[in-house]
PDB file of N, CA and C in Angstrom:
ATOM      1  N   MET A   1     -13.952  -7.063  -4.062  1.00  0.00           N
ATOM      2  CA  MET A   1     -12.867  -7.722  -4.369  1.00  0.00           C
ATOM      3  C   MET A   1     -11.466  -7.365  -3.789  1.00  0.00           C
ATOM      4  N   ASN A   2     -11.310  -8.321  -2.828  1.00  0.00           N
ATOM      5  CA  ASN A   2      -9.978  -7.557  -2.189  1.00  0.00           C
ATOM      6  C   ASN A   2      -8.653  -7.715  -3.098  1.00  0.00           C
ATOM      7  N   ALA A   3      -7.711  -6.983  -3.408  1.00  0.00           N
ATOM      8  CA  ALA A   3      -6.513  -6.915  -3.834  1.00  0.00           C
ATOM      9  C   ALA A   3      -5.470  -8.023  -3.359  1.00  0.00           C
ATOM     10  N   ALA A   4      -5.280  -8.847  -3.964  1.00  0.00           N
ATOM     11  CA  ALA A   4      -4.072  -9.952  -3.303  1.00  0.00           C
ATOM     12  C   ALA A   4      -2.941  -9.047  -3.013  1.00  0.00           C
ATOM     13  N   PRO A   5      -2.229  -9.348  -1.752  1.00  0.00           N
ATOM     14  CA  PRO A   5      -0.971  -9.037  -1.629  1.00  0.00           C
ATOM     15  C   PRO A   5       0.310  -9.767  -2.718  1.00  0.00           C
ATOM     16  N   LEU A   6       1.093  -8.589  -2.988  1.00  0.00           N
ATOM     17  CA  LEU A   6       2.202  -8.840  -4.078  1.00  0.00           C
ATOM     18  C   LEU A   6       3.470  -9.545  -3.479  1.00  0.00           C
ATOM     19  N   GLU A   7       3.821 -10.899  -4.048  1.00  0.00           N
ATOM     20  CA  GLU A   7       5.233 -11.361  -3.323  1.00  0.00           C
ATOM     21  C   GLU A   7       6.264 -10.682  -4.042  1.00  0.00           C
ATOM     22  N   ASP A   8       7.157 -10.890  -3.489  1.00  0.00           N
ATOM     23  CA  ASP A   8       8.703 -10.009  -4.145  1.00  0.00           C
ATOM     24  C   ASP A   8       8.805 -10.073  -5.429  1.00  0.00           C
ATOM     25  N   GLU A   9       8.543 -11.388  -6.140  1.00  0.00           N
ATOM     26  CA  GLU A   9       8.912 -11.773  -7.251  1.00  0.00           C
ATOM     27  C   GLU A   9       7.924 -10.837  -8.416  1.00  0.00           C
ATOM     28  N   VAL A  10       6.893 -10.725  -7.724  1.00  0.00           N
ATOM     29  CA  VAL A  10       5.764  -9.831  -8.768  1.00  0.00           C
ATOM     30  C   VAL A  10       6.451  -8.511  -8.523  1.00  0.00           C
ATOM     31  N   LEU A  11       6.833  -8.143  -7.438  1.00  0.00           N
ATOM     32  CA  LEU A  11       7.006  -6.459  -7.043  1.00  0.00           C
ATOM     33  C   LEU A  11       8.517  -6.222  -7.954  1.00  0.00           C
ATOM     34  N   SER A  12       9.446  -6.981  -8.173  1.00  0.00           N
ATOM     35  CA  SER A  12      10.516  -6.715  -8.730  1.00  0.00           C
ATOM     36  C   SER A  12      10.371  -7.068 -10.078  1.00  0.00           C
ATOM     37  N   ALA A  13       8.956  -7.220 -10.763  1.00  0.00           N
ATOM     38  CA  ALA A  13       8.941  -7.462 -12.116  1.00  0.00           C
ATOM     39  C   ALA A  13       8.136  -5.673 -12.409  1.00  0.00           C
ATOM     40  N   VAL A  14       7.473  -5.294 -11.113  1.00  0.00           N
ATOM     41  CA  VAL A  14       6.402  -4.172 -11.944  1.00  0.00           C
ATOM     42  C   VAL A  14       7.234  -3.209 -11.716  1.00  0.00           C
ATOM     43  N   SER A  15       7.551  -2.019 -12.424  1.00  0.00           N
ATOM     44  CA  SER A  15       7.866  -0.718 -12.825  1.00  0.00           C
ATOM     45  C   SER A  15       7.516   0.096 -13.498  1.00  0.00           C
ATOM     46  N   GLY A  16       8.007   1.561 -13.202  1.00  0.00           N
ATOM     47  CA  GLY A  16       7.789   2.337 -14.357  1.00  0.00           C
ATOM     48  C   GLY A  16       6.182   3.169 -14.326  1.00  0.00           C
ATOM     49  N   GLY A  17       5.847   3.358 -13.101  1.00  0.00           N
ATOM     50  CA  GLY A  17       4.872   4.101 -13.026  1.00  0.00           C
ATOM     51  C   GLY A  17       3.746   3.211 -13.034  1.00  0.00           C
ATOM     52  N   THR A  18       3.688   2.285 -12.558  1.00  0.00           N
ATOM     53  CA  THR A  18       2.413   1.200 -12.262  1.00  0.00           C
ATOM     54  C   THR A  18       1.837   1.898 -10.895  1.00  0.00           C
ATOM     55  N   VAL A  19       0.609   1.640 -11.341  1.00  0.00           N
ATOM     56  CA  VAL A  19      -0.439   1.911  -9.968  1.00  0.00           C
ATOM     57  C   VAL A  19      -1.179   0.009  -9.479  1.00  0.00           C
ATOM     58  N   VAL A  20      -1.108   0.250  -8.142  1.00  0.00           N
ATOM     59  CA  VAL A  20      -1.750  -1.160  -7.811  1.00  0.00           C
ATOM     60  C   VAL A  20      -2.534  -0.668  -6.417  1.00  0.00           C
ATOM     61  N   PRO A  21      -3.802  -1.222  -6.621  1.00  0.00           N
ATOM     62  CA  PRO A  21      -4.517  -0.939  -5.508  1.00  0.00           C
ATOM     63  C   PRO A  21      -4.159  -1.939  -4.490  1.00  0.00           C
ATOM     64  N   TYR A  22      -4.448  -1.729  -3.168  1.00  0.00           N
ATOM     65  CA  TYR A  22      -4.360  -2.644  -2.097  1.00  0.00           C
ATOM     66  C   TYR A  22      -5.714  -2.096  -1.096  1.00  0.00           C
ATOM     67  N   ILE A  23      -6.533  -3.311  -0.690  1.00  0.00           N
ATOM     68  CA  ILE A  23      -7.495  -3.304   0.527  1.00  0.00           C
ATOM     69  C   ILE A  23      -6.771  -3.714   1.750  1.00  0.00           C
ATOM     70  N   VAL A  24      -7.022  -2.443   2.804  1.00  0.00           N
ATOM     71  CA  VAL A  24      -6.357  -2.502   3.965  1.00  0.00           C
ATOM     72  C   VAL A  24      -7.255  -3.707   4.744  1.00  0.00           C
ATOM     73  N   ARG A  25      -6.255  -4.384   5.429  1.00  0.00           N
ATOM     74  CA  ARG A  25      -7.185  -5.364   6.330  1.00  0.00           C
ATOM     75  C   ARG A  25      -7.191  -5.428   7.360  1.00  0.00           C
ATOM     76  N   PRO A  26      -8.038  -6.000   8.464  1.00  0.00           N
ATOM     77  CA  PRO A  26      -7.964  -5.710   9.609  1.00  0.00           C
ATOM     78  C   PRO A  26      -6.461  -5.947  10.621  1.00  0.00           C
ATOM     79  N   GLY A  27      -5.959  -5.053  11.431  1.00  0.00           N
ATOM     80  CA  GLY A  27      -4.833  -5.341  11.965  1.00  0.00           C
ATOM     81  C   GLY A  27      -3.579  -4.614  11.237  1.00  0.00           C
ATOM     82  N   ASP A  28      -3.976  -4.235   9.778  1.00  0.00           N
ATOM     83  CA  ASP A  28      -2.792  -3.826   9.202  1.00  0.00           C
ATOM     84  C   ASP A  28      -2.473  -2.271   9.384  1.00  0.00           C
ATOM     85  N   THR A  29      -1.317  -2.235   9.446  1.00  0.00           N
ATOM     86  CA  THR A  29      -0.524  -0.884   9.802  1.00  0.00           C
ATOM     87  C   THR A  29       0.143  -0.284   8.435  1.00  0.00           C
ATOM     88  N   MET A  30       0.354   1.224   8.420  1.00  0.00           N
ATOM     89  CA  MET A  30       1.268   1.674   7.288  1.00  0.00           C
ATOM     90  C   MET A  30       2.638   1.294   7.694  1.00  0.00           C
ATOM     91  N   GLU A  31       3.023   0.868   8.271  1.00  0.00           N
ATOM     92  CA  GLU A  31       4.390   0.233   8.654  1.00  0.00           C
ATOM     93  C   GLU A  31       4.712  -0.949   7.838  1.00  0.00           C
ATOM     94  N   GLU A  32       3.508  -1.805   8.075  1.00  0.00           N
ATOM     95  CA  GLU A  32       3.866  -2.979   7.754  1.00  0.00           C
ATOM     96  C   GLU A  32       3.285  -2.762   6.210  1.00  0.00           C
ATOM     97  N   ILE A  33       2.445  -2.215   5.689  1.00  0.00           N
ATOM     98  CA  ILE A  33       2.087  -1.898   4.347  1.00  0.00           C
ATOM     99  C   ILE A  33       3.197  -1.421   3.614  1.00  0.00           C
ATOM    100  N   ALA A  34       3.980  -0.455   3.985  1.00  0.00           N
ATOM    101  CA  ALA A  34       5.016   0.325   3.605  1.00  0.00           C
ATOM    102  C   ALA A  34       5.910  -0.729   3.300  1.00  0.00           C
ATOM    103  N   LYS A  35       5.988  -1.678   4.124  1.00  0.00           N
ATOM    104  CA  LYS A  35       7.467  -2.613   4.246  1.00  0.00           C
ATOM    105  C   LYS A  35       6.967  -3.424   3.277  1.00  0.00           C
ATOM    106  N   LYS A  36       5.867  -4.123   3.077  1.00  0.00           N
ATOM    107  CA  LYS A  36       5.459  -5.130   2.295  1.00  0.00           C
ATOM    108  C   LYS A  36       5.548  -4.439   0.707  1.00  0.00           C
ATOM    109  N   PHE A  37       5.550  -3.270   0.450  1.00  0.00           N
ATOM    110  CA  PHE A  37       5.215  -2.506  -0.831  1.00  0.00           C
ATOM    111  C   PHE A  37       6.428  -1.982  -0.978  1.00  0.00           C
ATOM    112  N   HIS A  38       7.552  -1.909  -0.360  1.00  0.00           N
ATOM    113  CA  HIS A  38       9.151  -1.383  -0.631  1.00  0.00           C
ATOM    114  C   HIS A  38       8.791  -0.297  -0.692  1.00  0.00           C
ATOM    115  N   CYS A  39       8.372   0.872  -0.023  1.00  0.00           N
ATOM    116  CA  CYS A  39       8.055   2.182   0.218  1.00  0.00           C
ATOM    117  C   CYS A  39       8.161   2.796   1.657  1.00  0.00           C
ATOM    118  N   THR A  40       7.913   3.818   1.711  1.00  0.00           N
ATOM    119  CA  THR A  40       7.886   4.633   3.061  1.00  0.00           C
ATOM    120  C   THR A  40       6.460   4.884   3.387  1.00  0.00           C
ATOM    121  N   VAL A  41       6.058   4.981   4.386  1.00  0.00           N
ATOM    122  CA  VAL A  41       5.086   5.374   4.894  1.00  0.00           C
ATOM    123  C   VAL A  41       4.510   6.792   4.483  1.00  0.00           C
ATOM    124  N   GLU A  42       5.583   7.815   4.510  1.00  0.00           N
ATOM    125  CA  GLU A  42       5.489   8.951   3.970  1.00  0.00           C
ATOM    126  C   GLU A  42       4.818   9.143   2.556  1.00  0.00           C
ATOM    127  N   GLN A  43       5.391   7.951   1.376  1.00  0.00           N
ATOM    128  CA  GLN A  43       4.853   7.951   0.364  1.00  0.00           C
ATOM    129  C   GLN A  43       3.541   7.323   0.145  1.00  0.00           C
ATOM    130  N   LEU A  44       3.361   6.384   1.055  1.00  0.00           N
ATOM    131  CA  LEU A  44       1.561   6.013   1.118  1.00  0.00           C
ATOM    132  C   LEU A  44       1.029   6.952   1.423  1.00  0.00           C
ATOM    133  N   CYS A  45       0.961   7.974   2.337  1.00  0.00           N
ATOM    134  CA  CYS A  45       0.278   9.083   2.739  1.00  0.00           C
ATOM    135  C   CYS A  45       0.264   9.782   1.383  1.00  0.00           C
ATOM    136  N   ARG A  46       1.371  10.414   1.048  1.00  0.00           N
ATOM    137  CA  ARG A  46       1.446  11.278  -0.351  1.00  0.00           C
ATOM    138  C   ARG A  46       0.382  10.700  -1.372  1.00  0.00           C
ATOM    139  N   TRP A  47       0.707   9.372  -2.013  1.00  0.00           N
ATOM    140  CA  TRP A  47      -0.134   8.929  -2.788  1.00  0.00           C
ATOM    141  C   TRP A  47      -1.343   8.701  -2.366  1.00  0.00           C
ATOM    142  N   ASN A  48      -2.056   8.794  -1.308  1.00  0.00           N
ATOM    143  CA  ASN A  48      -3.385   8.282  -0.505  1.00  0.00           C
ATOM    144  C   ASN A  48      -3.796   9.585  -0.179  1.00  0.00           C
ATOM    145  N   ASN A  49      -3.389  10.843  -0.308  1.00  0.00           N
ATOM    146  CA  ASN A  49      -3.793  12.023   0.382  1.00  0.00           C
ATOM    147  C   ASN A  49      -4.605  11.492   2.189  1.00  0.00           C
ATOM    148  N   ILE A  50      -3.500  10.909   2.729  1.00  0.00           N
ATOM    149  CA  ILE A  50      -3.680  10.509   4.164  1.00  0.00           C
ATOM    150  C   ILE A  50      -2.847  11.685   4.847  1.00  0.00           C
ATOM    151  N   ARG A  51      -3.860  12.408   5.511  1.00  0.00           N
ATOM    152  CA  ARG A  51      -3.182  12.943   6.996  1.00  0.00           C
ATOM    153  C   ARG A  51      -2.533  12.400   8.235  1.00  0.00           C
ATOM    154  N   ASN A  52      -3.275  11.542   8.514  1.00  0.00           N
ATOM    155  CA  ASN A  52      -3.151  10.832   9.511  1.00  0.00           C
ATOM    156  C   ASN A  52      -3.121   9.577   9.564  1.00  0.00           C
ATOM    157  N   PRO A  53      -1.585   8.757   9.389  1.00  0.00           N
ATOM    158  CA  PRO A  53      -1.423   7.468   9.438  1.00  0.00           C
ATOM    159  C   PRO A  53      -2.013   6.552   9.987  1.00  0.00           C
ATOM    160  N   LEU A  54      -2.349   7.137  11.197  1.00  0.00           N
ATOM    161  CA  LEU A  54      -2.960   6.179  12.435  1.00  0.00           C
ATOM    162  C   LEU A  54      -4.404   5.931  12.359  1.00  0.00           C
ATOM    163  N   GLU A  55      -5.180   6.579  11.121  1.00  0.00           N
ATOM    164  CA  GLU A  55      -6.783   6.720  11.040  1.00  0.00           C
ATOM    165  C   GLU A  55      -7.163   5.302   9.901  1.00  0.00           C
ATOM    166  N   LEU A  56      -6.186   4.395   9.853  1.00  0.00           N
ATOM    167  CA  LEU A  56      -6.370   3.410   8.776  1.00  0.00           C
ATOM    168  C   LEU A  56      -7.340   2.383   8.808  1.00  0.00           C
ATOM    169  N   LYS A  57      -8.115   2.419   8.100  1.00  0.00           N
ATOM    170  CA  LYS A  57      -9.610   1.519   8.125  1.00  0.00           C
ATOM    171  C   LYS A  57      -9.574   0.424   7.319  1.00  0.00           C
ATOM    172  N   ALA A  58      -9.753  -0.774   8.305  1.00  0.00           N
ATOM    173  CA  ALA A  58     -10.070  -1.945   7.297  1.00  0.00           C
ATOM    174  C   ALA A  58     -11.017  -1.907   6.118  1.00  0.00           C
ATOM    175  N   GLY A  59     -10.620  -2.602   4.729  1.00  0.00           N
ATOM    176  CA  GLY A  59     -11.493  -2.034   3.876  1.00  0.00           C
ATOM    177  C   GLY A  59     -11.376  -1.017   2.842  1.00  0.00           C
ATOM    178  N   GLN A  60     -10.312   0.120   3.774  1.00  0.00           N
ATOM    179  CA  GLN A  60      -9.812   1.081   2.766  1.00  0.00           C
ATOM    180  C   GLN A  60      -9.067   0.893   1.707  1.00  0.00           C
ATOM    181  N   LYS A  61      -9.271   1.524   0.539  1.00  0.00           N
ATOM    182  CA  LYS A  61      -8.662   1.225  -0.616  1.00  0.00           C
ATOM    183  C   LYS A  61      -7.117   2.139  -0.932  1.00  0.00           C
ATOM    184  N   LEU A  62      -5.881   1.701  -0.970  1.00  0.00           N
ATOM    185  CA  LEU A  62      -4.931   2.460  -1.014  1.00  0.00           C
ATOM    186  C   LEU A  62      -4.419   1.851  -2.134  1.00  0.00           C
ATOM    187  N   ILE A  63      -3.694   3.323  -2.766  1.00  0.00           N
ATOM    188  CA  ILE A  63      -2.713   3.143  -4.133  1.00  0.00           C
ATOM    189  C   ILE A  63      -1.449   2.937  -3.698  1.00  0.00           C
ATOM    190  N   ILE A  64      -0.809   1.989  -4.329  1.00  0.00           N
ATOM    191  CA  ILE A  64       0.684   1.702  -4.173  1.00  0.00           C
ATOM    192  C   ILE A  64       1.162   2.500  -5.603  1.00  0.00           C
ATOM    193  N   ARG A  65       2.568   3.067  -5.886  1.00  0.00           N
ATOM    194  CA  ARG A  65       3.032   3.440  -6.678  1.00  0.00           C
ATOM    195  C   ARG A  65       4.458   2.751  -7.096  1.00  0.00           C
ATOM    196  N   PHE A  66       4.375   2.505  -8.343  1.00  0.00           N
ATOM    197  CA  PHE A  66       5.860   1.575  -8.466  1.00  0.00           C
ATOM    198  C   PHE A  66       6.517   2.560  -9.661  1.00  0.00           C
TER     199      PHE A  66
END
């Protein structure tokens, strides 16, 4: 099951240590995902133990923290 992208209204309602899964789609980049979830590439890498953000793969599960 793919995690649905969150809209800004939902993002503004989520806070306080919430963890949201995101499944990488073909063509996604770390920069686009970070922008979508209002965080930085560095945060995404830290939360997901990613050393090289260029090695993102479609189908990969990322954790987004709020």
